[in-house]
Amino acid sequence: MLQFRNNVSVKHNYQHVLIHLVLTLSFKLVLTCLVVVISSNEFQLTPSLFES
């Protein structure tokens, strides 16, 4: 019985860590996308500034 409980808790912890990892990764991905979009927008804006 105790062994079974330990396995369940380990599984639960693993799931928790996995969810945390996925959330962290998706957050980093969103941040990276934002940075790329912002920098590409700046690159698009710079030539027009130079032209005028």
C-alpha atoms as a PDB file:
ATOM      1  CA  MET A   1       0.000   0.000   0.000  1.00  0.00           C
ATOM      2  CA  LEU A   2       2.765   2.406   0.931  1.00  0.00           C
ATOM      3  CA  GLN A   3       4.660   1.505  -2.233  1.00  0.00           C
ATOM      4  CA  PHE A   4       1.592   2.257  -4.320  1.00  0.00           C
ATOM      5  CA  ARG A   5       1.180   5.642  -2.652  1.00  0.00           C
ATOM      6  CA  ASN A   6       4.791   6.526  -3.327  1.00  0.00           C
ATOM      7  CA  ASN A   7       4.412   5.681  -6.997  1.00  0.00           C
ATOM      8  CA  VAL A   8       1.323   7.854  -7.262  1.00  0.00           C
ATOM      9  CA  SER A   9       3.030  10.826  -5.625  1.00  0.00           C
ATOM     10  CA  VAL A  10       6.092  10.444  -7.863  1.00  0.00           C
ATOM     11  CA  LYS A  11       3.838  10.341 -10.899  1.00  0.00           C
ATOM     12  CA  HIS A  12       2.006  13.435  -9.699  1.00  0.00           C
ATOM     13  CA  ASN A  13       5.275  15.303  -9.133  1.00  0.00           C
ATOM     14  CA  TYR A  14       6.500  14.318 -12.584  1.00  0.00           C
ATOM     15  CA  GLN A  15       3.278  15.602 -14.123  1.00  0.00           C
ATOM     16  CA  HIS A  16       3.608  18.852 -12.189  1.00  0.00           C
ATOM     17  CA  VAL A  17       7.203  19.334 -13.362  1.00  0.00           C
ATOM     18  CA  LEU A  18       6.185  18.550 -16.933  1.00  0.00           C
ATOM     19  CA  ILE A  19       3.364  21.104 -16.834  1.00  0.00           C
ATOM     20  CA  HIS A  20       5.745  23.675 -15.357  1.00  0.00           C
ATOM     21  CA  LEU A  21       8.262  22.989 -18.132  1.00  0.00           C
ATOM     22  CA  VAL A  22       5.638  23.314 -20.852  1.00  0.00           C
ATOM     23  CA  LEU A  23       4.383  26.593 -19.390  1.00  0.00           C
ATOM     24  CA  THR A  24       7.907  27.991 -19.118  1.00  0.00           C
ATOM     25  CA  LEU A  25       8.763  26.943 -22.670  1.00  0.00           C
ATOM     26  CA  SER A  26       5.582  28.393 -24.135  1.00  0.00           C
ATOM     27  CA  PHE A  27       6.179  31.621 -22.217  1.00  0.00           C
ATOM     28  CA  LYS A  28       9.716  31.865 -23.625  1.00  0.00           C
ATOM     29  CA  LEU A  29       8.392  31.099 -27.093  1.00  0.00           C
ATOM     30  CA  VAL A  30       5.818  33.888 -26.856  1.00  0.00           C
ATOM     31  CA  LEU A  31       8.474  36.309 -25.610  1.00  0.00           C
ATOM     32  CA  THR A  32      10.803  35.361 -28.450  1.00  0.00           C
ATOM     33  CA  CYS A  33       8.011  35.850 -30.989  1.00  0.00           C
ATOM     34  CA  LEU A  34       7.244  39.264 -29.521  1.00  0.00           C
ATOM     35  CA  VAL A  35      10.886  40.312 -29.702  1.00  0.00           C
ATOM     36  CA  VAL A  36      11.160  39.115 -33.309  1.00  0.00           C
ATOM     37  CA  VAL A  37       7.977  40.938 -34.323  1.00  0.00           C
ATOM     38  CA  ILE A  38       9.058  44.153 -32.595  1.00  0.00           C
ATOM     39  CA  SER A  39      12.556  44.075 -34.096  1.00  0.00           C
ATOM     40  CA  SER A  40      11.218  43.280 -37.579  1.00  0.00           C
ATOM     41  CA  ASN A  41       8.774  46.178 -37.239  1.00  0.00           C
ATOM     42  CA  GLU A  42      11.653  48.455 -36.281  1.00  0.00           C
ATOM     43  CA  PHE A  43      13.617  47.272 -39.300  1.00  0.00           C
ATOM     44  CA  GLN A  44      10.650  48.063 -41.515  1.00  0.00           C
ATOM     45  CA  LEU A  45      10.287  51.513 -39.945  1.00  0.00           C
ATOM     46  CA  THR A  46      13.953  52.503 -40.185  1.00  0.00           C
ATOM     47  CA  PRO A  47      14.189  52.740 -44.010  1.00  0.00           C
ATOM     48  CA  SER A  48      11.128  54.992 -44.176  1.00  0.00           C
ATOM     49  CA  LEU A  49      12.715  57.224 -41.544  1.00  0.00           C
ATOM     50  CA  PHE A  50      15.903  57.413 -43.581  1.00  0.00           C
ATOM     51  CA  GLU A  51      14.002  58.155 -46.790  1.00  0.00           C
ATOM     52  CA  SER A  52      12.082  61.082 -45.299  1.00  0.00           C
END
